[in-house]
Amino acid sequence: MSGYLDKPQSHENSDAKARRKLLDQRRMEYRRAIEAHAEQRRLQQQWVDYPELIAANYLAGKQTTAQRNAPPGR
């Protein structure tokens, strides 16, 4: 009879482990999202400190795009 009782308990334990694992995965995804958001905010704050870099990158991107879109010379 003890064998009969042990099997449902092991099934319950595996279900509990699976639920715990799923919760841990969700918790880690949430934590990574918070860290990514914090990192993005930190980087944006650094860019705000140097507006001339933003303008320089914008102009460099425009020039590169214009060069790619220009027709080839003969």
PDB file of N, CA and C in Angstrom:
ATOM      1  N   MET A   1       0.805  -1.190   0.000  1.00  0.00           N
ATOM      2  CA  MET A   1       0.000   0.000   0.000  1.00  0.00           C
ATOM      3  C   MET A   1       0.852   1.259   0.000  1.00  0.00           C
ATOM      4  N   SER A   2       2.021   1.176   0.621  1.00  0.00           N
ATOM      5  CA  SER A   2       2.863   2.360   0.648  1.00  0.00           C
ATOM      6  C   SER A   2       3.325   2.736  -0.758  1.00  0.00           C
ATOM      7  N   GLY A   3       3.523   1.747  -1.631  1.00  0.00           N
ATOM      8  CA  GLY A   3       3.881   2.027  -3.015  1.00  0.00           C
ATOM      9  C   GLY A   3       2.784   2.787  -3.732  1.00  0.00           C
ATOM     10  N   TYR A   4       1.569   2.487  -3.407  1.00  0.00           N
ATOM     11  CA  TYR A   4       0.432   3.185  -4.011  1.00  0.00           C
ATOM     12  C   TYR A   4       0.405   4.641  -3.573  1.00  0.00           C
ATOM     13  N   LEU A   5       0.720   4.912  -2.342  1.00  0.00           N
ATOM     14  CA  LEU A   5       0.715   6.283  -1.832  1.00  0.00           C
ATOM     15  C   LEU A   5       1.926   7.075  -2.320  1.00  0.00           C
ATOM     16  N   ASP A   6       3.021   6.413  -2.555  1.00  0.00           N
ATOM     17  CA  ASP A   6       4.237   7.114  -2.977  1.00  0.00           C
ATOM     18  C   ASP A   6       4.105   7.672  -4.389  1.00  0.00           C
ATOM     19  N   LYS A   7       3.455   6.972  -5.269  1.00  0.00           N
ATOM     20  CA  LYS A   7       3.356   7.418  -6.657  1.00  0.00           C
ATOM     21  C   LYS A   7       2.607   8.740  -6.797  1.00  0.00           C
ATOM     22  N   PRO A   8       1.435   8.915  -6.203  1.00  0.00           N
ATOM     23  CA  PRO A   8       0.766  10.221  -6.328  1.00  0.00           C
ATOM     24  C   PRO A   8       1.580  11.351  -5.708  1.00  0.00           C
ATOM     25  N   GLN A   9       2.292  11.069  -4.638  1.00  0.00           N
ATOM     26  CA  GLN A   9       3.103  12.116  -4.011  1.00  0.00           C
ATOM     27  C   GLN A   9       4.232  12.542  -4.936  1.00  0.00           C
ATOM     28  N   SER A  10       4.869  11.587  -5.614  1.00  0.00           N
ATOM     29  CA  SER A  10       5.945  11.957  -6.537  1.00  0.00           C
ATOM     30  C   SER A  10       5.381  12.752  -7.707  1.00  0.00           C
ATOM     31  N   HIS A  11       4.169  12.427  -8.137  1.00  0.00           N
ATOM     32  CA  HIS A  11       3.518  13.188  -9.207  1.00  0.00           C
ATOM     33  C   HIS A  11       3.226  14.612  -8.733  1.00  0.00           C
ATOM     34  N   GLU A  12       2.764  14.731  -7.503  1.00  0.00           N
ATOM     35  CA  GLU A  12       2.498  16.051  -6.942  1.00  0.00           C
ATOM     36  C   GLU A  12       3.796  16.847  -6.814  1.00  0.00           C
ATOM     37  N   ASN A  13       4.859  16.177  -6.408  1.00  0.00           N
ATOM     38  CA  ASN A  13       6.154  16.852  -6.296  1.00  0.00           C
ATOM     39  C   ASN A  13       6.641  17.342  -7.649  1.00  0.00           C
ATOM     40  N   SER A  14       6.467  16.520  -8.682  1.00  0.00           N
ATOM     41  CA  SER A  14       6.918  16.936 -10.014  1.00  0.00           C
ATOM     42  C   SER A  14       6.071  18.100 -10.521  1.00  0.00           C
ATOM     43  N   ASP A  15       4.761  18.093 -10.204  1.00  0.00           N
ATOM     44  CA  ASP A  15       3.911  19.223 -10.581  1.00  0.00           C
ATOM     45  C   ASP A  15       4.349  20.494  -9.861  1.00  0.00           C
ATOM     46  N   ALA A  16       4.664  20.364  -8.597  1.00  0.00           N
ATOM     47  CA  ALA A  16       5.119  21.523  -7.820  1.00  0.00           C
ATOM     48  C   ALA A  16       6.442  22.039  -8.373  1.00  0.00           C
ATOM     49  N   LYS A  17       7.333  21.122  -8.723  1.00  0.00           N
ATOM     50  CA  LYS A  17       8.620  21.534  -9.303  1.00  0.00           C
ATOM     51  C   LYS A  17       8.418  22.236 -10.634  1.00  0.00           C
ATOM     52  N   ALA A  18       7.501  21.725 -11.441  1.00  0.00           N
ATOM     53  CA  ALA A  18       7.235  22.337 -12.749  1.00  0.00           C
ATOM     54  C   ALA A  18       6.658  23.735 -12.570  1.00  0.00           C
ATOM     55  N   ARG A  19       5.720  23.880 -11.618  1.00  0.00           N
ATOM     56  CA  ARG A  19       5.150  25.203 -11.358  1.00  0.00           C
ATOM     57  C   ARG A  19       6.218  26.165 -10.842  1.00  0.00           C
ATOM     58  N   ARG A  20       7.055  25.684  -9.945  1.00  0.00           N
ATOM     59  CA  ARG A  20       8.130  26.516  -9.404  1.00  0.00           C
ATOM     60  C   ARG A  20       9.100  26.938 -10.511  1.00  0.00           C
ATOM     61  N   LYS A  21       9.420  26.002 -11.391  1.00  0.00           N
ATOM     62  CA  LYS A  21      10.325  26.312 -12.491  1.00  0.00           C
ATOM     63  C   LYS A  21       9.718  27.362 -13.416  1.00  0.00           C
ATOM     64  N   LEU A  22       8.433  27.229 -13.718  1.00  0.00           N
ATOM     65  CA  LEU A  22       7.744  28.200 -14.563  1.00  0.00           C
ATOM     66  C   LEU A  22       7.731  29.580 -13.906  1.00  0.00           C
ATOM     67  N   LEU A  23       7.449  29.611 -12.602  1.00  0.00           N
ATOM     68  CA  LEU A  23       7.462  30.887 -11.879  1.00  0.00           C
ATOM     69  C   LEU A  23       8.860  31.511 -11.883  1.00  0.00           C
ATOM     70  N   ASP A  24       9.884  30.675 -11.707  1.00  0.00           N
ATOM     71  CA  ASP A  24      11.253  31.178 -11.744  1.00  0.00           C
ATOM     72  C   ASP A  24      11.599  31.748 -13.121  1.00  0.00           C
ATOM     73  N   GLN A  25      11.150  31.077 -14.173  1.00  0.00           N
ATOM     74  CA  GLN A  25      11.408  31.575 -15.528  1.00  0.00           C
ATOM     75  C   GLN A  25      10.724  32.919 -15.749  1.00  0.00           C
ATOM     76  N   ARG A  26       9.485  33.030 -15.310  1.00  0.00           N
ATOM     77  CA  ARG A  26       8.763  34.295 -15.451  1.00  0.00           C
ATOM     78  C   ARG A  26       9.441  35.397 -14.648  1.00  0.00           C
ATOM     79  N   ARG A  27       9.856  35.049 -13.441  1.00  0.00           N
ATOM     80  CA  ARG A  27      10.525  36.025 -12.587  1.00  0.00           C
ATOM     81  C   ARG A  27      11.824  36.522 -13.228  1.00  0.00           C
ATOM     82  N   MET A  28      12.586  35.595 -13.820  1.00  0.00           N
ATOM     83  CA  MET A  28      13.838  35.984 -14.475  1.00  0.00           C
ATOM     84  C   MET A  28      13.579  36.831 -15.719  1.00  0.00           C
ATOM     85  N   GLU A  29      12.548  36.511 -16.490  1.00  0.00           N
ATOM     86  CA  GLU A  29      12.205  37.339 -17.656  1.00  0.00           C
ATOM     87  C   GLU A  29      11.844  38.753 -17.211  1.00  0.00           C
ATOM     88  N   TYR A  30      11.075  38.840 -16.138  1.00  0.00           N
ATOM     89  CA  TYR A  30      10.679  40.145 -15.618  1.00  0.00           C
ATOM     90  C   TYR A  30      11.902  40.916 -15.141  1.00  0.00           C
ATOM     91  N   ARG A  31      12.789  40.222 -14.448  1.00  0.00           N
ATOM     92  CA  ARG A  31      14.007  40.870 -13.947  1.00  0.00           C
ATOM     93  C   ARG A  31      14.882  41.356 -15.103  1.00  0.00           C
ATOM     94  N   ARG A  32      15.029  40.528 -16.142  1.00  0.00           N
ATOM     95  CA  ARG A  32      15.819  40.937 -17.309  1.00  0.00           C
ATOM     96  C   ARG A  32      15.199  42.144 -17.997  1.00  0.00           C
ATOM     97  N   ALA A  33      13.873  42.166 -18.068  1.00  0.00           N
ATOM     98  CA  ALA A  33      13.190  43.304 -18.696  1.00  0.00           C
ATOM     99  C   ALA A  33      13.432  44.579 -17.891  1.00  0.00           C
ATOM    100  N   ILE A  34      13.385  44.477 -16.578  1.00  0.00           N
ATOM    101  CA  ILE A  34      13.648  45.645 -15.734  1.00  0.00           C
ATOM    102  C   ILE A  34      15.085  46.108 -15.922  1.00  0.00           C
ATOM    103  N   GLU A  35      16.031  45.180 -15.943  1.00  0.00           N
ATOM    104  CA  GLU A  35      17.440  45.543 -16.124  1.00  0.00           C
ATOM    105  C   GLU A  35      17.671  46.168 -17.493  1.00  0.00           C
ATOM    106  N   ALA A  36      17.041  45.621 -18.528  1.00  0.00           N
ATOM    107  CA  ALA A  36      17.191  46.179 -19.874  1.00  0.00           C
ATOM    108  C   ALA A  36      16.614  47.594 -19.930  1.00  0.00           C
ATOM    109  N   HIS A  37      15.479  47.782 -19.280  1.00  0.00           N
ATOM    110  CA  HIS A  37      14.855  49.106 -19.257  1.00  0.00           C
ATOM    111  C   HIS A  37      15.757  50.106 -18.525  1.00  0.00           C
ATOM    112  N   ALA A  38      16.311  49.682 -17.391  1.00  0.00           N
ATOM    113  CA  ALA A  38      17.203  50.556 -16.630  1.00  0.00           C
ATOM    114  C   ALA A  38      18.448  50.907 -17.447  1.00  0.00           C
ATOM    115  N   GLU A  39      18.986  49.926 -18.158  1.00  0.00           N
ATOM    116  CA  GLU A  39      20.165  50.167 -18.996  1.00  0.00           C
ATOM    117  C   GLU A  39      19.832  51.141 -20.125  1.00  0.00           C
ATOM    118  N   GLN A  40      18.659  50.965 -20.735  1.00  0.00           N
ATOM    119  CA  GLN A  40      18.237  51.865 -21.807  1.00  0.00           C
ATOM    120  C   GLN A  40      18.083  53.293 -21.295  1.00  0.00           C
ATOM    121  N   ARG A  41      17.491  53.442 -20.131  1.00  0.00           N
ATOM    122  CA  ARG A  41      17.326  54.779 -19.547  1.00  0.00           C
ATOM    123  C   ARG A  41      18.677  55.412 -19.232  1.00  0.00           C
ATOM    124  N   ARG A  42      19.611  54.581 -18.721  1.00  0.00           N
ATOM    125  CA  ARG A  42      20.946  55.091 -18.410  1.00  0.00           C
ATOM    126  C   ARG A  42      21.644  55.571 -19.679  1.00  0.00           C
ATOM    127  N   LEU A  43      21.555  54.789 -20.746  1.00  0.00           N
ATOM    128  CA  LEU A  43      22.176  55.181 -22.012  1.00  0.00           C
ATOM    129  C   LEU A  43      21.535  56.441 -22.586  1.00  0.00           C
ATOM    130  N   GLN A  44      20.212  56.538 -22.497  1.00  0.00           N
ATOM    131  CA  GLN A  44      19.533  57.731 -22.988  1.00  0.00           C
ATOM    132  C   GLN A  44      19.955  58.957 -22.190  1.00  0.00           C
ATOM    133  N   GLN A  45      20.138  58.787 -20.892  1.00  0.00           N
ATOM    134  CA  GLN A  45      20.579  59.912 -20.059  1.00  0.00           C
ATOM    135  C   GLN A  45      21.985  60.351 -20.462  1.00  0.00           C
ATOM    136  N   GLN A  46      22.842  59.396 -20.789  1.00  0.00           N
ATOM    137  CA  GLN A  46      24.188  59.759 -21.240  1.00  0.00           C
ATOM    138  C   GLN A  46      24.122  60.520 -22.555  1.00  0.00           C
ATOM    139  N   TRP A  47      23.244  60.114 -23.470  1.00  0.00           N
ATOM    140  CA  TRP A  47      23.122  60.821 -24.740  1.00  0.00           C
ATOM    141  C   TRP A  47      22.621  62.240 -24.536  1.00  0.00           C
ATOM    142  N   VAL A  48      21.728  62.419 -23.575  1.00  0.00           N
ATOM    143  CA  VAL A  48      21.190  63.758 -23.305  1.00  0.00           C
ATOM    144  C   VAL A  48      22.309  64.682 -22.828  1.00  0.00           C
ATOM    145  N   ASP A  49      23.287  64.107 -22.146  1.00  0.00           N
ATOM    146  CA  ASP A  49      24.408  64.905 -21.663  1.00  0.00           C
ATOM    147  C   ASP A  49      25.285  65.426 -22.802  1.00  0.00           C
ATOM    148  N   TYR A  50      25.212  64.785 -23.972  1.00  0.00           N
ATOM    149  CA  TYR A  50      26.053  65.166 -25.113  1.00  0.00           C
ATOM    150  C   TYR A  50      25.191  65.360 -26.364  1.00  0.00           C
ATOM    151  N   PRO A  51      24.439  66.438 -26.436  1.00  0.00           N
ATOM    152  CA  PRO A  51      23.551  66.633 -27.597  1.00  0.00           C
ATOM    153  C   PRO A  51      24.299  66.766 -28.920  1.00  0.00           C
ATOM    154  N   GLU A  52      25.552  67.218 -28.862  1.00  0.00           N
ATOM    155  CA  GLU A  52      26.306  67.345 -30.110  1.00  0.00           C
ATOM    156  C   GLU A  52      26.584  65.974 -30.729  1.00  0.00           C
ATOM    157  N   LEU A  53      26.702  64.935 -29.906  1.00  0.00           N
ATOM    158  CA  LEU A  53      26.886  63.591 -30.449  1.00  0.00           C
ATOM    159  C   LEU A  53      25.635  63.101 -31.160  1.00  0.00           C
ATOM    160  N   ILE A  54      24.486  63.458 -30.612  1.00  0.00           N
ATOM    161  CA  ILE A  54      23.227  63.075 -31.250  1.00  0.00           C
ATOM    162  C   ILE A  54      23.152  63.723 -32.633  1.00  0.00           C
ATOM    163  N   ALA A  55      23.468  65.006 -32.711  1.00  0.00           N
ATOM    164  CA  ALA A  55      23.421  65.712 -33.989  1.00  0.00           C
ATOM    165  C   ALA A  55      24.448  65.139 -34.960  1.00  0.00           C
ATOM    166  N   ALA A  56      25.654  64.849 -34.478  1.00  0.00           N
ATOM    167  CA  ALA A  56      26.699  64.302 -35.348  1.00  0.00           C
ATOM    168  C   ALA A  56      26.289  62.937 -35.888  1.00  0.00           C
ATOM    169  N   ASN A  57      25.725  62.082 -35.035  1.00  0.00           N
ATOM    170  CA  ASN A  57      25.283  60.761 -35.498  1.00  0.00           C
ATOM    171  C   ASN A  57      24.140  60.878 -36.489  1.00  0.00           C
ATOM    172  N   TYR A  58      23.253  61.807 -36.260  1.00  0.00           N
ATOM    173  CA  TYR A  58      22.139  62.023 -37.179  1.00  0.00           C
ATOM    174  C   TYR A  58      22.661  62.449 -38.550  1.00  0.00           C
ATOM    175  N   LEU A  59      23.583  63.414 -38.568  1.00  0.00           N
ATOM    176  CA  LEU A  59      24.128  63.895 -39.837  1.00  0.00           C
ATOM    177  C   LEU A  59      24.931  62.807 -40.544  1.00  0.00           C
ATOM    178  N   ALA A  60      25.697  62.033 -39.786  1.00  0.00           N
ATOM    179  CA  ALA A  60      26.479  60.945 -40.393  1.00  0.00           C
ATOM    180  C   ALA A  60      25.547  59.912 -41.010  1.00  0.00           C
ATOM    181  N   GLY A  61      24.455  59.624 -40.348  1.00  0.00           N
ATOM    182  CA  GLY A  61      23.480  58.673 -40.889  1.00  0.00           C
ATOM    183  C   GLY A  61      22.831  59.197 -42.144  1.00  0.00           C
ATOM    184  N   LYS A  62      22.525  60.486 -42.179  1.00  0.00           N
ATOM    185  CA  LYS A  62      21.924  61.101 -43.363  1.00  0.00           C
ATOM    186  C   LYS A  62      22.885  61.032 -44.547  1.00  0.00           C
ATOM    187  N   GLN A  63      24.160  61.315 -44.297  1.00  0.00           N
ATOM    188  CA  GLN A  63      25.153  61.290 -45.372  1.00  0.00           C
ATOM    189  C   GLN A  63      25.313  59.874 -45.920  1.00  0.00           C
ATOM    190  N   THR A  64      25.336  58.897 -45.030  1.00  0.00           N
ATOM    191  CA  THR A  64      25.482  57.513 -45.468  1.00  0.00           C
ATOM    192  C   THR A  64      24.287  57.092 -46.306  1.00  0.00           C
ATOM    193  N   THR A  65      23.102  57.473 -45.875  1.00  0.00           N
ATOM    194  CA  THR A  65      21.886  57.140 -46.624  1.00  0.00           C
ATOM    195  C   THR A  65      21.900  57.814 -47.993  1.00  0.00           C
ATOM    196  N   ALA A  66      22.331  59.069 -48.037  1.00  0.00           N
ATOM    197  CA  ALA A  66      22.373  59.790 -49.308  1.00  0.00           C
ATOM    198  C   ALA A  66      23.376  59.144 -50.264  1.00  0.00           C
ATOM    199  N   GLN A  67      24.500  58.694 -49.733  1.00  0.00           N
ATOM    200  CA  GLN A  67      25.512  58.052 -50.578  1.00  0.00           C
ATOM    201  C   GLN A  67      24.996  56.729 -51.133  1.00  0.00           C
ATOM    202  N   ARG A  68      24.254  55.973 -50.323  1.00  0.00           N
ATOM    203  CA  ARG A  68      23.715  54.705 -50.790  1.00  0.00           C
ATOM    204  C   ARG A  68      22.646  54.896 -51.852  1.00  0.00           C
ATOM    205  N   ASN A  69      21.873  55.961 -51.723  1.00  0.00           N
ATOM    206  CA  ASN A  69      20.775  56.196 -52.643  1.00  0.00           C
ATOM    207  C   ASN A  69      21.200  56.943 -53.911  1.00  0.00           C
ATOM    208  N   ALA A  70      22.412  57.461 -53.931  1.00  0.00           N
ATOM    209  CA  ALA A  70      22.888  58.219 -55.103  1.00  0.00           C
ATOM    210  C   ALA A  70      23.105  57.277 -56.278  1.00  0.00           C
ATOM    211  N   PRO A  71      22.770  57.728 -57.485  1.00  0.00           N
ATOM    212  CA  PRO A  71      23.010  56.884 -58.661  1.00  0.00           C
ATOM    213  C   PRO A  71      24.508  56.787 -58.915  1.00  0.00           C
ATOM    214  N   PRO A  72      24.953  55.646 -59.396  1.00  0.00           N
ATOM    215  CA  PRO A  72      26.393  55.480 -59.669  1.00  0.00           C
ATOM    216  C   PRO A  72      26.860  56.407 -60.798  1.00  0.00           C
ATOM    217  N   GLY A  73      28.058  56.976 -60.618  1.00  0.00           N
ATOM    218  CA  GLY A  73      28.630  57.878 -61.638  1.00  0.00           C
ATOM    219  C   GLY A  73      29.205  57.110 -62.804  1.00  0.00           C
ATOM    220  N   ARG A  74      29.220  57.767 -63.974  1.00  0.00           N
ATOM    221  CA  ARG A  74      29.764  57.107 -65.163  1.00  0.00           C
ATOM    222  C   ARG A  74      31.160  57.537 -65.425  1.00  0.00           C
TER     223      ARG A  74
END
